[in-house]
């Protein structure tokens, strides 16, 4: 089966296992489906759109080595663990409007260009935080980018 684009929005997707037959699938749109876990995503996917679902944990993504954009905004993600260590090649991660309290593991995400974590639904008095290694890694990459832009 050859699929370059799969757009399954506003459908109730019961099983994602048959997607593994799509060996050429690049962009997969699965938002607004009530999905509770990520599974059965072909390794060829470069864009994964899972916003507006009921996913609580970001897992089963390690095999997506070509993933460049991940959209899980307006979901149920509740993380404090190292949720960003998988898929180190992902350039853009859109995780707005979830319940992520702590961002960790960015030191291994060398290709990360954009990270959206605004509007987290956290308990009163809880703030979104970044671990020191992630902040340091972001800072180092930013300084290198600035030096390259200046021609240094």
N, C-alpha and C. Protein backbone atom coordinates (compact mmCIF):
# COMPACT_ATOMS: atom_id res chain seq x y z
N UNK A 1 0.85 -1.17 0.00
CA UNK A 1 0.00 0.00 0.00
C UNK A 1 0.89 1.23 0.00
N UNK A 2 0.66 2.18 -0.86
CA UNK A 2 1.45 3.40 -0.94
C UNK A 2 0.58 4.56 -0.47
N UNK A 3 1.03 5.23 0.58
CA UNK A 3 0.32 6.37 1.13
C UNK A 3 1.33 7.46 1.39
N UNK A 4 1.15 8.63 0.82
CA UNK A 4 2.04 9.75 1.12
C UNK A 4 1.47 10.62 2.20
N UNK A 5 0.13 10.69 2.27
CA UNK A 5 -0.56 11.54 3.22
C UNK A 5 -1.78 10.80 3.72
N UNK A 6 -1.97 10.80 5.00
CA UNK A 6 -3.15 10.15 5.58
C UNK A 6 -3.82 11.13 6.51
N UNK A 7 -5.05 11.51 6.20
CA UNK A 7 -5.77 12.52 6.96
C UNK A 7 -7.01 11.88 7.58
N UNK A 8 -6.92 11.49 8.84
CA UNK A 8 -8.02 10.81 9.53
C UNK A 8 -8.48 11.66 10.71
N UNK A 9 -9.08 12.81 10.43
CA UNK A 9 -9.56 13.67 11.49
C UNK A 9 -11.07 13.55 11.62
N UNK A 10 -11.53 13.80 12.81
CA UNK A 10 -12.95 13.72 13.12
C UNK A 10 -13.52 12.34 12.86
N UNK A 11 -12.69 11.35 12.89
CA UNK A 11 -13.11 9.95 12.78
C UNK A 11 -12.80 9.29 14.11
N UNK A 12 -13.44 8.25 14.42
CA UNK A 12 -13.08 7.48 15.60
C UNK A 12 -12.16 6.36 15.13
N UNK A 13 -10.87 6.55 15.34
CA UNK A 13 -9.88 5.57 14.93
C UNK A 13 -9.75 4.55 16.06
N UNK A 14 -10.20 3.36 15.80
CA UNK A 14 -10.17 2.30 16.81
C UNK A 14 -8.80 1.62 16.83
N UNK A 15 -8.23 1.40 15.66
CA UNK A 15 -6.95 0.71 15.57
C UNK A 15 -6.06 1.42 14.56
N UNK A 16 -4.80 1.56 14.91
CA UNK A 16 -3.84 2.18 14.02
C UNK A 16 -2.91 1.13 13.40
N UNK A 17 -3.13 -0.13 13.67
CA UNK A 17 -2.19 -1.16 13.24
C UNK A 17 -2.12 -1.31 11.74
N UNK A 18 -3.19 -1.08 11.00
CA UNK A 18 -3.13 -1.23 9.55
C UNK A 18 -2.32 -0.13 8.89
N UNK A 19 -1.97 0.92 9.60
CA UNK A 19 -1.13 1.99 9.05
C UNK A 19 0.29 1.49 8.77
N UNK A 20 0.70 0.43 9.44
CA UNK A 20 2.04 -0.10 9.23
C UNK A 20 2.24 -0.62 7.81
N UNK A 21 1.15 -0.84 7.09
CA UNK A 21 1.24 -1.29 5.70
C UNK A 21 1.56 -0.14 4.75
N UNK A 22 1.49 1.08 5.24
CA UNK A 22 1.75 2.27 4.41
C UNK A 22 3.23 2.60 4.47
N UNK A 23 4.01 1.99 3.62
CA UNK A 23 5.47 2.11 3.68
C UNK A 23 6.00 3.45 3.18
N UNK A 24 5.18 4.22 2.51
CA UNK A 24 5.62 5.52 2.01
C UNK A 24 4.95 6.68 2.75
N UNK A 25 4.26 6.39 3.84
CA UNK A 25 3.53 7.41 4.58
C UNK A 25 4.49 8.43 5.18
N UNK A 26 4.25 9.70 4.91
CA UNK A 26 5.10 10.78 5.43
C UNK A 26 4.37 11.65 6.44
N UNK A 27 3.14 12.06 6.13
CA UNK A 27 2.37 12.95 7.01
C UNK A 27 1.13 12.21 7.49
N UNK A 28 0.96 12.15 8.79
CA UNK A 28 -0.16 11.43 9.38
C UNK A 28 -0.94 12.37 10.29
N UNK A 29 -2.20 12.59 9.94
CA UNK A 29 -3.09 13.47 10.69
C UNK A 29 -4.11 12.62 11.43
N UNK A 30 -3.98 12.58 12.75
CA UNK A 30 -4.89 11.77 13.57
C UNK A 30 -5.54 12.61 14.68
N UNK A 31 -5.69 13.90 14.48
CA UNK A 31 -6.25 14.70 15.56
C UNK A 31 -7.76 14.55 15.66
N UNK A 32 -8.27 14.89 16.86
CA UNK A 32 -9.70 14.81 17.18
C UNK A 32 -10.25 13.40 17.06
N UNK A 33 -9.55 12.41 17.59
CA UNK A 33 -10.00 11.03 17.50
C UNK A 33 -10.17 10.34 18.83
N UNK A 34 -9.86 10.99 19.93
CA UNK A 34 -9.98 10.34 21.22
C UNK A 34 -8.91 9.28 21.46
N UNK A 35 -7.80 9.35 20.74
CA UNK A 35 -6.71 8.38 20.87
C UNK A 35 -6.09 8.51 22.26
N UNK A 36 -5.86 7.37 22.93
CA UNK A 36 -5.30 7.39 24.28
C UNK A 36 -3.83 6.98 24.34
N UNK A 37 -3.35 6.28 23.31
CA UNK A 37 -1.93 5.92 23.28
C UNK A 37 -1.42 5.92 21.85
N UNK A 38 -0.12 6.15 21.73
CA UNK A 38 0.51 6.20 20.42
C UNK A 38 1.06 4.82 20.11
N UNK A 39 0.60 4.23 19.01
CA UNK A 39 1.13 2.92 18.59
C UNK A 39 0.82 2.71 17.12
N UNK A 40 1.59 1.86 16.49
CA UNK A 40 1.33 1.50 15.10
C UNK A 40 1.65 2.58 14.10
N UNK A 41 2.57 3.48 14.42
CA UNK A 41 2.94 4.56 13.50
C UNK A 41 4.11 4.07 12.64
N UNK A 42 3.97 4.13 11.31
CA UNK A 42 5.05 3.68 10.43
C UNK A 42 6.33 4.51 10.63
N UNK A 43 7.47 3.88 10.52
CA UNK A 43 8.76 4.54 10.73
C UNK A 43 9.05 5.61 9.69
N UNK A 44 8.32 5.63 8.58
CA UNK A 44 8.57 6.59 7.52
C UNK A 44 7.93 7.95 7.77
N UNK A 45 7.12 8.08 8.81
CA UNK A 45 6.40 9.32 9.09
C UNK A 45 7.36 10.44 9.46
N UNK A 46 7.20 11.59 8.81
CA UNK A 46 8.01 12.77 9.10
C UNK A 46 7.20 13.84 9.84
N UNK A 47 5.87 13.81 9.69
CA UNK A 47 4.99 14.73 10.40
C UNK A 47 3.88 13.93 11.06
N UNK A 48 3.71 14.13 12.37
CA UNK A 48 2.70 13.40 13.11
C UNK A 48 1.82 14.40 13.85
N UNK A 49 0.54 14.41 13.50
CA UNK A 49 -0.43 15.36 14.05
C UNK A 49 -1.39 14.60 14.97
N UNK A 50 -1.23 14.78 16.27
CA UNK A 50 -2.03 14.06 17.26
C UNK A 50 -2.75 15.02 18.21
N UNK A 51 -2.92 16.27 17.81
CA UNK A 51 -3.55 17.23 18.70
C UNK A 51 -5.01 16.89 18.97
N UNK A 52 -5.51 17.39 20.09
CA UNK A 52 -6.91 17.18 20.50
C UNK A 52 -7.26 15.70 20.66
N UNK A 53 -6.40 14.95 21.30
CA UNK A 53 -6.67 13.56 21.63
C UNK A 53 -6.58 13.39 23.14
N UNK A 54 -6.60 12.18 23.63
CA UNK A 54 -6.53 11.90 25.06
C UNK A 54 -5.24 11.20 25.44
N UNK A 55 -4.16 11.49 24.75
CA UNK A 55 -2.86 10.88 25.00
C UNK A 55 -2.27 11.49 26.27
N UNK A 56 -1.92 10.64 27.24
CA UNK A 56 -1.36 11.13 28.49
C UNK A 56 0.15 10.97 28.57
N UNK A 57 0.69 10.01 27.81
CA UNK A 57 2.14 9.77 27.84
C UNK A 57 2.68 9.75 26.42
N UNK A 58 3.80 10.41 26.23
CA UNK A 58 4.45 10.41 24.93
C UNK A 58 5.44 9.25 24.91
N UNK A 59 5.00 8.15 24.29
CA UNK A 59 5.84 6.96 24.23
C UNK A 59 5.62 6.26 22.90
N UNK A 60 6.44 5.27 22.63
CA UNK A 60 6.40 4.51 21.37
C UNK A 60 6.72 5.39 20.17
N UNK A 61 7.63 6.34 20.36
CA UNK A 61 8.04 7.23 19.28
C UNK A 61 9.50 7.04 18.89
N UNK A 62 10.24 6.25 19.63
CA UNK A 62 11.67 6.09 19.41
C UNK A 62 12.05 5.58 18.04
N UNK A 63 11.18 4.84 17.38
CA UNK A 63 11.49 4.29 16.06
C UNK A 63 11.28 5.30 14.93
N UNK A 64 10.74 6.46 15.23
CA UNK A 64 10.45 7.47 14.20
C UNK A 64 11.68 8.36 13.98
N UNK A 65 12.68 7.81 13.38
CA UNK A 65 13.96 8.50 13.19
C UNK A 65 13.87 9.65 12.19
N UNK A 66 12.85 9.64 11.33
CA UNK A 66 12.69 10.69 10.31
C UNK A 66 11.70 11.77 10.73
N UNK A 67 11.13 11.65 11.92
CA UNK A 67 10.11 12.59 12.39
C UNK A 67 10.71 13.98 12.54
N UNK A 68 10.16 14.96 11.83
CA UNK A 68 10.65 16.33 11.94
C UNK A 68 9.66 17.25 12.63
N UNK A 69 8.37 16.91 12.61
CA UNK A 69 7.35 17.73 13.27
C UNK A 69 6.39 16.85 14.05
N UNK A 70 6.21 17.21 15.31
CA UNK A 70 5.31 16.47 16.18
C UNK A 70 4.31 17.45 16.79
N UNK A 71 3.03 17.19 16.59
CA UNK A 71 1.96 18.04 17.09
C UNK A 71 1.12 17.24 18.09
N UNK A 72 1.18 17.62 19.36
CA UNK A 72 0.38 16.96 20.38
C UNK A 72 -0.28 18.03 21.25
N UNK A 73 -0.56 19.18 20.67
CA UNK A 73 -1.16 20.29 21.40
C UNK A 73 -2.60 19.97 21.79
N UNK A 74 -3.05 20.64 22.81
CA UNK A 74 -4.41 20.53 23.32
C UNK A 74 -4.80 19.09 23.61
N UNK A 75 -3.90 18.42 24.30
CA UNK A 75 -4.15 17.03 24.66
C UNK A 75 -4.20 16.85 26.16
N UNK A 76 -3.89 15.66 26.59
CA UNK A 76 -3.93 15.31 28.01
C UNK A 76 -2.55 14.92 28.53
N UNK A 77 -1.49 15.31 27.81
CA UNK A 77 -0.14 14.92 28.21
C UNK A 77 0.18 15.49 29.58
N UNK A 78 0.53 14.60 30.49
CA UNK A 78 0.88 14.98 31.85
C UNK A 78 2.25 14.37 32.13
N UNK A 79 3.26 15.19 31.99
CA UNK A 79 4.61 14.65 32.10
C UNK A 79 5.46 15.47 33.04
N UNK A 80 6.35 14.78 33.68
CA UNK A 80 7.41 15.41 34.44
C UNK A 80 8.71 14.66 34.15
N UNK A 81 8.60 13.60 33.41
CA UNK A 81 9.77 12.77 33.10
C UNK A 81 10.50 13.31 31.87
N UNK A 82 11.50 12.58 31.44
CA UNK A 82 12.32 13.01 30.30
C UNK A 82 11.56 12.70 29.00
N UNK A 83 10.59 13.53 28.69
CA UNK A 83 9.71 13.27 27.56
C UNK A 83 10.32 13.69 26.22
N UNK A 84 11.45 14.35 26.24
CA UNK A 84 11.99 14.86 24.99
C UNK A 84 13.23 14.11 24.51
N UNK A 85 13.58 13.01 25.16
CA UNK A 85 14.78 12.28 24.77
C UNK A 85 14.57 11.43 23.54
N UNK A 86 13.35 11.05 23.21
CA UNK A 86 13.07 10.25 22.03
C UNK A 86 13.07 11.13 20.80
N UNK A 87 13.28 10.56 19.71
CA UNK A 87 13.24 11.24 18.42
C UNK A 87 14.11 12.50 18.44
N UNK A 88 15.41 12.29 18.56
CA UNK A 88 16.33 13.42 18.66
C UNK A 88 16.38 14.26 17.40
N UNK A 89 15.91 13.74 16.26
CA UNK A 89 15.94 14.49 15.01
C UNK A 89 14.75 15.42 14.83
N UNK A 90 13.78 15.38 15.72
CA UNK A 90 12.59 16.21 15.58
C UNK A 90 12.96 17.68 15.68
N UNK A 91 12.65 18.45 14.64
CA UNK A 91 12.98 19.87 14.62
C UNK A 91 11.92 20.72 15.31
N UNK A 92 10.65 20.33 15.22
CA UNK A 92 9.56 21.11 15.79
C UNK A 92 8.67 20.23 16.64
N UNK A 93 8.40 20.70 17.85
CA UNK A 93 7.50 19.98 18.75
C UNK A 93 6.47 20.96 19.27
N UNK A 94 5.23 20.65 19.00
CA UNK A 94 4.13 21.51 19.41
C UNK A 94 3.37 20.79 20.52
N UNK A 95 3.59 21.22 21.76
CA UNK A 95 3.02 20.56 22.93
C UNK A 95 2.22 21.55 23.78
N UNK A 96 1.69 22.59 23.17
CA UNK A 96 0.90 23.59 23.87
C UNK A 96 -0.35 22.96 24.47
N UNK A 97 -0.90 23.61 25.48
CA UNK A 97 -2.20 23.26 26.05
C UNK A 97 -2.26 21.80 26.53
N UNK A 98 -1.25 21.36 27.25
CA UNK A 98 -1.26 20.05 27.89
C UNK A 98 -1.12 20.27 29.39
N UNK A 99 -0.49 19.38 30.09
CA UNK A 99 -0.25 19.53 31.53
C UNK A 99 1.18 19.13 31.86
N UNK A 100 2.12 19.64 31.09
CA UNK A 100 3.54 19.32 31.27
C UNK A 100 4.12 20.29 32.29
N UNK A 101 4.64 19.77 33.38
CA UNK A 101 5.17 20.60 34.45
C UNK A 101 6.68 20.84 34.32
N UNK A 102 7.39 19.86 33.75
CA UNK A 102 8.85 20.01 33.66
C UNK A 102 9.35 19.48 32.33
N UNK A 103 10.18 20.28 31.67
CA UNK A 103 10.78 19.90 30.40
C UNK A 103 12.21 19.44 30.68
N UNK A 104 12.50 18.20 30.31
CA UNK A 104 13.82 17.62 30.53
C UNK A 104 14.26 16.89 29.28
N UNK A 105 15.56 16.70 29.12
CA UNK A 105 16.09 15.85 28.06
C UNK A 105 16.38 16.55 26.75
N UNK A 106 16.35 17.87 26.73
CA UNK A 106 16.61 18.57 25.47
C UNK A 106 18.07 18.54 25.06
N UNK A 107 18.96 18.16 25.97
CA UNK A 107 20.38 18.15 25.64
C UNK A 107 20.71 17.18 24.51
N UNK A 108 19.87 16.19 24.28
CA UNK A 108 20.11 15.23 23.21
C UNK A 108 19.39 15.59 21.91
N UNK A 109 18.60 16.62 21.93
CA UNK A 109 17.78 17.00 20.77
C UNK A 109 18.52 18.04 19.93
N UNK A 110 19.51 17.59 19.22
CA UNK A 110 20.38 18.50 18.48
C UNK A 110 19.71 19.18 17.29
N UNK A 111 18.64 18.61 16.78
CA UNK A 111 17.96 19.17 15.61
C UNK A 111 16.78 20.08 16.00
N UNK A 112 16.51 20.21 17.30
CA UNK A 112 15.35 20.97 17.74
C UNK A 112 15.49 22.44 17.36
N UNK A 113 14.52 22.92 16.59
CA UNK A 113 14.49 24.32 16.17
C UNK A 113 13.35 25.07 16.84
N UNK A 114 12.24 24.39 17.05
CA UNK A 114 11.07 25.01 17.67
C UNK A 114 10.51 24.09 18.73
N UNK A 115 10.16 24.69 19.87
CA UNK A 115 9.51 23.95 20.94
C UNK A 115 8.39 24.82 21.47
N UNK A 116 7.17 24.34 21.38
CA UNK A 116 6.00 25.08 21.84
C UNK A 116 5.43 24.36 23.06
N UNK A 117 5.52 25.01 24.22
CA UNK A 117 4.98 24.43 25.45
C UNK A 117 4.16 25.47 26.22
N UNK A 118 3.55 26.39 25.54
CA UNK A 118 2.77 27.43 26.21
C UNK A 118 1.43 26.89 26.69
N UNK A 119 0.81 27.64 27.58
CA UNK A 119 -0.54 27.38 28.07
C UNK A 119 -0.70 25.97 28.65
N UNK A 120 0.23 25.57 29.50
CA UNK A 120 0.10 24.27 30.18
C UNK A 120 -0.95 24.39 31.28
N UNK A 121 -1.78 23.38 31.39
CA UNK A 121 -2.82 23.35 32.43
C UNK A 121 -2.22 22.71 33.69
N UNK A 122 -1.72 23.57 34.57
CA UNK A 122 -1.04 23.09 35.77
C UNK A 122 -1.81 23.52 37.02
N UNK A 123 -1.58 22.79 38.09
CA UNK A 123 -2.22 23.12 39.36
C UNK A 123 -1.80 24.53 39.80
N UNK A 124 -2.69 25.21 40.47
CA UNK A 124 -2.40 26.56 40.96
C UNK A 124 -1.11 26.53 41.77
N UNK A 125 -0.23 27.46 41.47
CA UNK A 125 1.05 27.54 42.16
C UNK A 125 2.17 26.75 41.50
N UNK A 126 1.84 25.91 40.53
CA UNK A 126 2.85 25.13 39.81
C UNK A 126 3.26 25.89 38.56
N UNK A 127 4.55 25.93 38.31
CA UNK A 127 5.07 26.61 37.14
C UNK A 127 5.77 25.63 36.22
N UNK A 128 5.74 25.92 34.94
CA UNK A 128 6.49 25.14 33.96
C UNK A 128 7.97 25.41 34.18
N UNK A 129 8.76 24.34 34.32
CA UNK A 129 10.20 24.49 34.54
C UNK A 129 10.98 23.68 33.52
N UNK A 130 12.24 24.05 33.35
CA UNK A 130 13.18 23.34 32.49
C UNK A 130 14.34 22.88 33.35
N UNK A 131 14.85 21.67 33.10
CA UNK A 131 16.02 21.23 33.85
C UNK A 131 17.25 21.98 33.34
N UNK A 132 18.28 22.04 34.19
CA UNK A 132 19.47 22.82 33.88
C UNK A 132 20.16 22.35 32.59
N UNK A 133 20.29 21.04 32.40
CA UNK A 133 20.98 20.52 31.21
C UNK A 133 20.26 20.95 29.93
N UNK A 134 18.94 20.96 29.96
CA UNK A 134 18.18 21.39 28.78
C UNK A 134 18.40 22.87 28.50
N UNK A 135 18.35 23.68 29.55
CA UNK A 135 18.57 25.12 29.37
C UNK A 135 19.97 25.39 28.84
N UNK A 136 20.94 24.67 29.38
CA UNK A 136 22.32 24.84 28.94
C UNK A 136 22.47 24.43 27.47
N UNK A 137 21.85 23.32 27.09
CA UNK A 137 21.94 22.85 25.70
C UNK A 137 21.28 23.84 24.75
N UNK A 138 20.13 24.36 25.13
CA UNK A 138 19.46 25.35 24.29
C UNK A 138 20.33 26.59 24.16
N UNK A 139 20.93 27.02 25.26
CA UNK A 139 21.79 28.20 25.24
C UNK A 139 23.01 28.01 24.37
N UNK A 140 23.66 26.84 24.45
CA UNK A 140 24.84 26.56 23.64
C UNK A 140 24.48 26.59 22.16
N UNK A 141 23.39 25.93 21.78
CA UNK A 141 22.98 25.92 20.38
C UNK A 141 22.63 27.32 19.90
N UNK A 142 22.01 28.10 20.77
CA UNK A 142 21.62 29.46 20.38
C UNK A 142 22.87 30.30 20.15
N UNK A 143 23.87 30.18 21.05
CA UNK A 143 25.10 30.95 20.88
C UNK A 143 25.82 30.53 19.60
N UNK A 144 25.84 29.23 19.31
CA UNK A 144 26.48 28.75 18.08
C UNK A 144 25.74 29.31 16.87
N UNK A 145 24.42 29.29 16.89
CA UNK A 145 23.63 29.84 15.78
C UNK A 145 23.90 31.32 15.60
N UNK A 146 24.01 32.05 16.69
CA UNK A 146 24.29 33.47 16.62
C UNK A 146 25.67 33.72 16.03
N UNK A 147 26.66 32.90 16.42
CA UNK A 147 28.01 33.07 15.89
C UNK A 147 28.04 32.77 14.39
N UNK A 148 27.33 31.75 13.97
CA UNK A 148 27.27 31.42 12.56
C UNK A 148 26.61 32.56 11.79
N UNK A 149 25.54 33.12 12.34
CA UNK A 149 24.83 34.21 11.68
C UNK A 149 25.72 35.45 11.57
N UNK A 150 26.62 35.65 12.54
CA UNK A 150 27.51 36.80 12.51
C UNK A 150 28.73 36.55 11.65
N UNK A 151 28.91 35.34 11.18
CA UNK A 151 30.06 35.02 10.35
C UNK A 151 31.32 34.75 11.13
N UNK A 152 31.21 34.48 12.40
CA UNK A 152 32.38 34.22 13.25
C UNK A 152 32.90 32.82 13.05
